[in-house]
Amino acid sequence: MRRTKAAIFAAAALLASAAWAASPIEQLNERFAKLALPGSVSIAAISQEARGGLTFSVSATGNEGLQPDATFRVASNTKTFVAATVLRLWEDGKVKLDASIRDYVDPAYLAALDKDGYDTAHITVRHLLTHTGGIADHTHSKQFEQLLATHPETAWTRDSTMDALVRWTDPVGKPGEKFYYSDDGYCLLGNIIERLTGKPLARAVHEILGYEKLGLKSTYWETQEPAAPQAGPRAHQLFDDGRDTYGWNPSLDMYGGGGIVADPRDLAWFLYALFDGKVFKHPETLQLMLSKEGIPADSPYRMGIFEYEANGVKAYWHSGFWGTAAFYVPSQHRAYAFAVTRRNAYKPAFEQMKAYISDN
């Protein structure tokens, strides 16, 4: 009888502790508050509960009046959406991952790349997806930095982006030789998507992934489609030197390497849906997306997403230039995302999120 009572009390204690345990978002709020980050941060967490339900929460903290539904230019977080779209086209037999990009890319771009020394005959779609095609990145050039510093209102097209690539940079390696992060490689993927679908990139990604079906409420491609009906106001995102980038021309990061506006809730929700089998037709496609096949051994990148492991906990993630990041942790069945209003707060926010993931 005593053992029975002891077991009952123990079970009751466990239930009580679970009931009173802080939620992931509460724990994250506490951690981020201790950082005293400049500006504000918006955080989202989605988790699978033991009883089979999903919990979703979002918060915004800081001293700049940020609202929980604020949206952000998410920059390179867009790449995960683009890679998923290419893989959906692969599922439908419309593109071959190991085929040369000469089969798919606009001939004018191919001619410019060839003239600049690229071996386009041996650069594959897989190389573009994994940043291993030897393609440079014009945004790493001094010319781009100077233009951003003096004329951030400059309007860009895909043509001018490709022109900047070949005029300001040179190939960084042979196809498949090494990992080198390249916005321009994803700009080429955007061109491939448009040519295969006959639709503008924003529309193709939106329709192929099915934002509404996935439950994305705030996600849209800035200037290329109407704002999502439930999208909150776009936040003011400050550059490292304190300049407000709100009015900067979004076309500087528009054609596949970036371009999407969303809130942290949608960034986390998309990764959760991706790993929960809601994006692809076949589970093997996600395995392919995360595969190390054909990738240099020291590369942290898969197809449209990074992988890391810390303290035995593996996570998949992507970040965006202005200060956004999204994570999925398979062992926890959780997705997280955050966005900061000041870019110089990104690094400590990122490290805090990684520490939280490792501790849980």
Protein backbone atom coordinates (compact mmCIF):
# COMPACT_ATOMS: atom_id res chain seq x y z
CA MET A 1 0.00 0.00 0.00
CA ARG A 2 2.83 2.37 0.89
CA ARG A 3 4.49 1.65 -2.45
CA THR A 4 1.21 2.37 -4.24
CA LYS A 5 0.80 5.69 -2.45
CA ALA A 6 4.41 6.57 -3.13
CA ALA A 7 3.93 5.83 -6.82
CA ILE A 8 0.78 7.97 -6.90
CA PHE A 9 2.55 10.89 -5.22
CA ALA A 10 5.50 10.56 -7.58
CA ALA A 11 3.24 10.58 -10.61
CA ALA A 12 1.35 13.57 -9.26
CA ALA A 13 4.62 15.40 -8.68
CA LEU A 14 5.71 14.71 -12.25
CA LEU A 15 2.40 15.98 -13.62
CA ALA A 16 2.59 19.08 -11.47
CA SER A 17 6.14 19.83 -12.55
CA ALA A 18 5.13 19.38 -16.19
CA ALA A 19 2.14 21.66 -15.75
CA TRP A 20 4.26 24.37 -14.18
CA ALA A 21 7.29 23.96 -16.45
CA ALA A 22 8.04 27.02 -18.48
CA SER A 23 7.19 26.76 -22.16
CA PRO A 24 9.98 27.01 -24.77
CA ILE A 25 9.00 30.59 -25.57
CA GLU A 26 9.05 31.56 -21.89
CA GLN A 27 12.47 30.00 -21.47
CA LEU A 28 13.74 31.76 -24.57
CA ASN A 29 12.32 35.09 -23.43
CA GLU A 30 14.14 34.72 -20.14
CA ARG A 31 17.42 33.90 -21.86
CA PHE A 32 17.14 36.70 -24.40
CA ALA A 33 16.19 39.22 -21.70
CA LYS A 34 19.46 38.46 -19.90
CA LEU A 35 21.39 39.29 -23.09
CA ALA A 36 20.17 42.88 -23.08
CA LEU A 37 20.39 42.97 -26.86
CA PRO A 38 20.30 46.31 -28.67
CA GLY A 39 16.92 46.91 -30.29
CA SER A 40 14.18 44.29 -30.21
CA VAL A 41 13.84 40.61 -31.04
CA SER A 42 10.88 38.54 -32.20
CA ILE A 43 10.96 34.82 -31.35
CA ALA A 44 8.80 31.86 -32.39
CA ALA A 45 8.75 28.25 -31.21
CA ILE A 46 6.74 25.28 -32.47
CA SER A 47 6.87 21.94 -30.70
CA GLN A 48 5.28 18.50 -30.85
CA GLU A 49 3.72 17.61 -27.52
CA ALA A 50 3.64 14.11 -26.03
CA ARG A 51 -0.11 13.86 -26.55
CA GLY A 52 0.28 14.49 -30.27
CA GLY A 53 -0.71 18.14 -30.43
CA LEU A 54 1.31 21.10 -31.62
CA THR A 55 2.06 24.13 -29.52
CA PHE A 56 2.90 27.40 -31.18
CA SER A 57 4.01 30.59 -29.51
CA VAL A 58 5.59 33.86 -30.50
CA SER A 59 6.84 36.87 -28.59
CA ALA A 60 8.51 40.19 -29.17
CA THR A 61 10.77 41.84 -26.63
CA GLY A 62 12.98 44.90 -26.55
CA ASN A 63 12.80 48.66 -26.37
CA GLU A 64 11.57 49.54 -29.87
CA GLY A 65 7.88 48.72 -29.63
CA LEU A 66 8.08 45.67 -31.87
CA GLN A 67 4.76 43.86 -32.29
CA PRO A 68 4.53 40.03 -32.26
CA ASP A 69 3.10 40.03 -35.80
CA ALA A 70 5.89 42.19 -37.26
CA THR A 71 7.36 40.91 -40.51
CA PHE A 72 10.96 41.13 -41.69
CA ARG A 73 12.99 40.95 -44.84
CA VAL A 74 14.38 37.47 -44.28
CA ALA A 75 17.05 37.60 -47.01
CA SER A 76 18.82 34.24 -47.32
CA ASN A 77 16.17 32.34 -45.39
CA THR A 78 14.56 32.53 -48.83
CA LYS A 79 17.07 29.95 -50.08
CA THR A 80 15.33 27.13 -48.20
CA PHE A 81 12.10 27.97 -50.02
CA VAL A 82 13.91 28.09 -53.38
CA ALA A 83 15.70 24.79 -52.80
CA ALA A 84 12.44 23.11 -51.77
CA THR A 85 10.81 24.40 -54.97
CA VAL A 86 13.60 22.97 -57.13
CA LEU A 87 13.23 19.63 -55.36
CA ARG A 88 9.48 19.65 -55.98
CA LEU A 89 10.25 20.18 -59.67
CA TRP A 90 12.68 17.27 -59.43
CA GLU A 91 9.91 15.12 -57.95
CA ASP A 92 7.79 15.99 -60.97
CA GLY A 93 10.57 15.00 -63.37
CA LYS A 94 11.10 18.52 -64.67
CA VAL A 95 14.74 18.90 -63.64
CA LYS A 96 17.69 16.57 -63.15
CA LEU A 97 19.92 17.45 -60.23
CA ASP A 98 23.08 16.09 -61.83
CA ALA A 99 22.46 17.63 -65.23
CA SER A 100 24.56 20.56 -66.39
CA ILE A 101 23.07 23.98 -65.82
CA ARG A 102 23.52 24.45 -69.58
CA ASP A 103 20.29 22.46 -69.91
CA TYR A 104 18.30 25.01 -67.91
CA VAL A 105 19.91 28.44 -67.51
CA ASP A 106 19.31 31.38 -69.85
CA PRO A 107 21.89 31.19 -72.70
CA ALA A 108 22.87 34.83 -72.18
CA TYR A 109 23.90 34.10 -68.59
CA LEU A 110 25.75 30.98 -69.67
CA ALA A 111 27.71 32.95 -72.26
CA ALA A 112 28.69 35.55 -69.66
CA LEU A 113 29.74 32.86 -67.17
CA ASP A 114 31.77 31.01 -69.79
CA LYS A 115 33.54 34.20 -70.78
CA ASP A 116 34.42 34.80 -67.13
CA GLY A 117 36.08 31.39 -66.88
CA TYR A 118 33.30 29.24 -65.45
CA ASP A 119 33.06 25.62 -66.58
CA THR A 120 29.29 25.71 -67.03
CA ALA A 121 29.27 22.35 -68.82
CA HIS A 122 30.25 20.69 -65.54
CA ILE A 123 28.34 22.87 -63.06
CA THR A 124 25.19 20.97 -62.10
CA VAL A 125 21.91 21.93 -60.49
CA ARG A 126 23.06 20.01 -57.42
CA HIS A 127 26.16 22.21 -57.28
CA LEU A 128 24.01 25.33 -57.24
CA LEU A 129 21.78 23.93 -54.49
CA THR A 130 24.78 23.06 -52.29
CA HIS A 131 27.00 26.10 -53.06
CA THR A 132 29.69 23.88 -54.59
CA GLY A 133 29.70 25.10 -58.20
CA GLY A 134 32.72 27.37 -57.81
CA ILE A 135 30.52 30.42 -58.29
CA ALA A 136 31.58 33.62 -56.58
CA ASP A 137 29.26 36.11 -54.86
CA HIS A 138 29.10 39.71 -56.03
CA THR A 139 27.82 40.79 -52.60
CA HIS A 140 31.27 39.95 -51.18
CA SER A 141 32.96 42.45 -53.49
CA LYS A 142 34.23 45.89 -52.54
CA GLN A 143 32.16 47.38 -55.36
CA PHE A 144 28.93 46.07 -53.86
CA GLU A 145 29.89 47.24 -50.38
CA GLN A 146 30.60 50.72 -51.72
CA LEU A 147 27.32 50.83 -53.60
CA LEU A 148 25.43 49.71 -50.52
CA ALA A 149 27.15 52.41 -48.49
CA THR A 150 26.42 55.23 -50.94
CA HIS A 151 23.40 54.26 -53.04
CA PRO A 152 21.23 51.64 -51.31
CA GLU A 153 18.30 52.88 -53.37
CA THR A 154 19.84 51.41 -56.54
CA ALA A 155 17.41 49.21 -58.48
CA TRP A 156 18.69 45.76 -59.41
CA THR A 157 17.51 43.19 -61.94
CA ARG A 158 18.63 39.61 -62.41
CA ASP A 159 20.56 40.84 -65.46
CA SER A 160 22.44 43.48 -63.48
CA THR A 161 23.07 40.96 -60.69
CA MET A 162 24.66 38.51 -63.12
CA ASP A 163 26.61 41.33 -64.73
CA ALA A 164 28.01 42.34 -61.33
CA LEU A 165 29.03 38.73 -60.70
CA VAL A 166 31.16 38.47 -63.84
CA ARG A 167 32.53 42.04 -63.72
CA TRP A 168 33.40 42.22 -60.02
CA THR A 169 34.44 38.66 -59.23
CA ASP A 170 36.09 35.55 -60.66
CA PRO A 171 35.37 31.83 -60.20
CA VAL A 172 36.36 30.57 -56.76
CA GLY A 173 36.98 26.94 -57.68
CA LYS A 174 36.19 24.02 -59.93
CA PRO A 175 32.69 22.49 -59.90
CA GLY A 176 32.31 20.25 -56.86
CA GLU A 177 35.69 21.23 -55.42
CA LYS A 178 34.60 23.15 -52.34
CA PHE A 179 31.78 24.91 -50.52
CA TYR A 180 31.53 28.63 -51.20
CA TYR A 181 28.35 30.44 -50.23
CA SER A 182 26.94 32.23 -53.26
CA ASP A 183 23.83 34.35 -53.60
CA ASP A 184 24.44 34.34 -57.33
CA GLY A 185 24.20 30.56 -57.51
CA TYR A 186 20.69 30.84 -56.08
CA CYS A 187 19.94 33.66 -58.48
CA LEU A 188 20.65 31.13 -61.24
CA LEU A 189 18.29 28.67 -59.53
CA GLY A 190 15.63 31.37 -59.61
CA ASN A 191 16.19 31.65 -63.35
CA ILE A 192 15.87 27.89 -63.72
CA ILE A 193 12.57 27.86 -61.81
CA GLU A 194 11.16 30.62 -64.02
CA ARG A 195 12.22 28.91 -67.22
CA LEU A 196 10.85 25.52 -66.16
CA THR A 197 7.50 26.84 -64.95
CA GLY A 198 6.98 29.77 -67.31
CA LYS A 199 6.03 31.86 -64.26
CA PRO A 200 7.67 34.67 -62.28
CA LEU A 201 9.79 33.30 -59.45
CA ALA A 202 7.56 34.58 -56.64
CA ARG A 203 4.44 33.06 -58.13
CA ALA A 204 6.13 29.75 -58.93
CA VAL A 205 7.50 29.30 -55.40
CA HIS A 206 4.19 30.35 -53.82
CA GLU A 207 2.12 27.96 -55.94
CA ILE A 208 4.47 24.97 -55.96
CA LEU A 209 5.00 25.02 -52.19
CA GLY A 210 1.40 26.02 -51.48
CA TYR A 211 1.77 28.67 -48.79
CA GLU A 212 -1.92 28.48 -47.84
CA LYS A 213 -1.93 24.68 -47.64
CA LEU A 214 1.12 24.79 -45.38
CA GLY A 215 -0.49 27.35 -43.09
CA LEU A 216 1.89 30.21 -43.87
CA LYS A 217 0.11 33.43 -42.99
CA SER A 218 2.63 36.24 -43.42
CA THR A 219 4.97 35.03 -46.19
CA TYR A 220 5.24 36.88 -49.50
CA TRP A 221 7.86 37.97 -52.03
CA GLU A 222 8.37 41.70 -51.59
CA THR A 223 7.24 43.84 -54.57
CA GLN A 224 6.76 40.69 -56.67
CA GLU A 225 3.35 39.74 -55.26
CA PRO A 226 0.78 41.31 -52.93
CA ALA A 227 1.53 41.23 -49.23
CA ALA A 228 0.02 38.23 -47.46
CA PRO A 229 -3.45 39.12 -46.09
CA GLN A 230 -2.41 38.39 -42.49
CA ALA A 231 1.09 39.85 -42.71
CA GLY A 232 1.87 42.34 -39.99
CA PRO A 233 3.71 45.61 -40.57
CA ARG A 234 7.28 45.25 -41.83
CA ALA A 235 9.81 46.02 -39.11
CA HIS A 236 12.56 48.59 -39.39
CA GLN A 237 15.83 46.64 -39.62
CA LEU A 238 18.98 48.57 -38.80
CA PHE A 239 22.36 47.95 -40.43
CA ASP A 240 25.58 47.51 -38.42
CA ASP A 241 26.32 51.23 -38.58
CA GLY A 242 22.84 52.14 -37.35
CA ARG A 243 21.33 53.06 -40.72
CA ASP A 244 17.68 52.14 -41.08
CA THR A 245 17.38 49.84 -44.11
CA TYR A 246 13.58 50.04 -44.27
CA GLY A 247 13.64 52.16 -47.44
CA TRP A 248 16.53 50.40 -49.15
CA ASN A 249 15.60 48.98 -52.52
CA PRO A 250 14.62 45.34 -51.95
CA SER A 251 15.80 44.41 -55.45
CA LEU A 252 19.37 44.26 -54.13
CA ASP A 253 18.44 40.82 -52.74
CA MET A 254 15.48 39.66 -54.79
CA TYR A 255 16.04 36.96 -57.39
CA GLY A 256 16.50 33.68 -55.53
CA GLY A 257 19.15 34.38 -52.92
CA GLY A 258 16.60 36.46 -51.03
CA GLY A 259 13.37 38.35 -51.53
CA ILE A 260 10.85 36.93 -49.06
CA VAL A 261 9.19 38.87 -46.25
CA ALA A 262 7.82 36.86 -43.32
CA ASP A 263 7.54 36.79 -39.55
CA PRO A 264 9.46 34.35 -37.31
CA ARG A 265 6.28 32.32 -36.86
CA ASP A 266 6.16 31.50 -40.58
CA LEU A 267 9.90 30.80 -40.75
CA ALA A 268 9.58 28.26 -37.93
CA TRP A 269 6.32 26.90 -39.34
CA PHE A 270 7.84 26.29 -42.77
CA LEU A 271 10.75 24.31 -41.35
CA TYR A 272 8.37 22.31 -39.16
CA ALA A 273 6.19 21.53 -42.18
CA LEU A 274 9.28 20.62 -44.22
CA PHE A 275 10.47 18.06 -41.67
CA ASP A 276 6.95 16.88 -40.94
CA GLY A 277 6.48 15.69 -44.52
CA LYS A 278 4.09 18.43 -45.61
CA VAL A 279 6.24 20.02 -48.35
CA PHE A 280 7.43 17.14 -50.50
CA LYS A 281 5.40 14.38 -52.11
CA HIS A 282 7.78 11.66 -50.93
CA PRO A 283 9.76 11.36 -47.66
CA GLU A 284 12.83 10.33 -49.65
CA THR A 285 13.02 13.84 -51.06
CA LEU A 286 13.71 15.32 -47.63
CA GLN A 287 16.41 12.68 -47.15
CA LEU A 288 17.91 13.80 -50.46
CA MET A 289 17.76 17.46 -49.40
CA LEU A 290 19.71 16.65 -46.22
CA SER A 291 22.11 14.18 -47.85
CA LYS A 292 25.87 14.69 -47.92
CA GLU A 293 26.07 12.96 -51.30
CA GLY A 294 28.36 14.75 -53.71
CA ILE A 295 29.25 17.44 -51.17
CA PRO A 296 32.81 18.12 -49.93
CA ALA A 297 33.32 16.45 -46.55
CA ASP A 298 33.94 19.73 -44.71
CA SER A 299 30.84 21.51 -46.06
CA PRO A 300 28.20 22.51 -43.48
CA TYR A 301 25.58 23.03 -46.22
CA ARG A 302 23.10 20.60 -47.71
CA MET A 303 20.43 21.72 -50.22
CA GLY A 304 19.12 25.08 -49.09
CA ILE A 305 19.89 24.44 -45.44
CA PHE A 306 22.82 24.22 -43.02
CA GLU A 307 23.50 21.35 -40.61
CA TYR A 308 25.34 21.51 -37.31
CA GLU A 309 25.73 19.37 -34.23
CA ALA A 310 26.52 20.68 -30.75
CA ASN A 311 26.69 18.63 -27.56
CA GLY A 312 25.22 15.68 -29.40
CA VAL A 313 22.18 17.61 -30.66
CA LYS A 314 21.82 17.91 -34.44
CA ALA A 315 19.98 20.87 -35.92
CA TYR A 316 19.21 22.22 -39.38
CA TRP A 317 19.07 25.94 -39.91
CA HIS A 318 19.37 28.94 -42.15
CA SER A 319 19.88 32.61 -41.51
CA GLY A 320 19.28 35.87 -43.33
CA PHE A 321 21.63 38.81 -43.79
CA TRP A 322 19.50 41.37 -41.93
CA GLY A 323 19.31 39.30 -38.75
CA THR A 324 16.91 36.38 -39.04
CA ALA A 325 17.39 32.67 -38.38
CA ALA A 326 15.27 29.53 -38.33
CA PHE A 327 16.09 26.10 -36.86
CA TYR A 328 14.64 22.62 -36.79
CA VAL A 329 15.78 20.06 -34.20
CA PRO A 330 14.76 16.50 -35.15
CA SER A 331 15.42 14.99 -31.72
CA GLN A 332 13.14 17.57 -30.08
CA HIS A 333 10.50 17.75 -32.83
CA ARG A 334 10.75 21.51 -32.48
CA ALA A 335 11.25 24.47 -34.79
CA TYR A 336 12.48 27.87 -33.70
CA ALA A 337 13.03 31.23 -35.37
CA PHE A 338 14.01 34.74 -34.42
CA ALA A 339 14.48 38.14 -36.01
CA VAL A 340 16.32 41.12 -34.59
CA THR A 341 15.76 44.75 -35.48
CA ARG A 342 19.45 45.60 -35.24
CA ARG A 343 21.88 43.51 -37.24
CA ASN A 344 24.62 43.81 -34.63
CA ALA A 345 22.36 41.84 -32.25
CA TYR A 346 22.28 38.84 -34.58
CA LYS A 347 25.43 37.03 -33.46
CA PRO A 348 24.65 36.98 -29.70
CA ALA A 349 21.04 36.06 -30.48
CA PHE A 350 22.19 33.20 -32.69
CA GLU A 351 24.61 31.87 -30.08
CA GLN A 352 21.92 32.08 -27.40
CA MET A 353 19.49 30.11 -29.55
CA LYS A 354 22.14 27.43 -30.20
CA ALA A 355 22.87 27.20 -26.47
CA TYR A 356 19.18 26.81 -25.68
CA ILE A 357 18.78 24.07 -28.29
CA SER A 358 21.78 22.18 -26.88
CA ASP A 359 20.43 22.45 -23.33
CA ASN A 360 17.03 21.03 -24.22
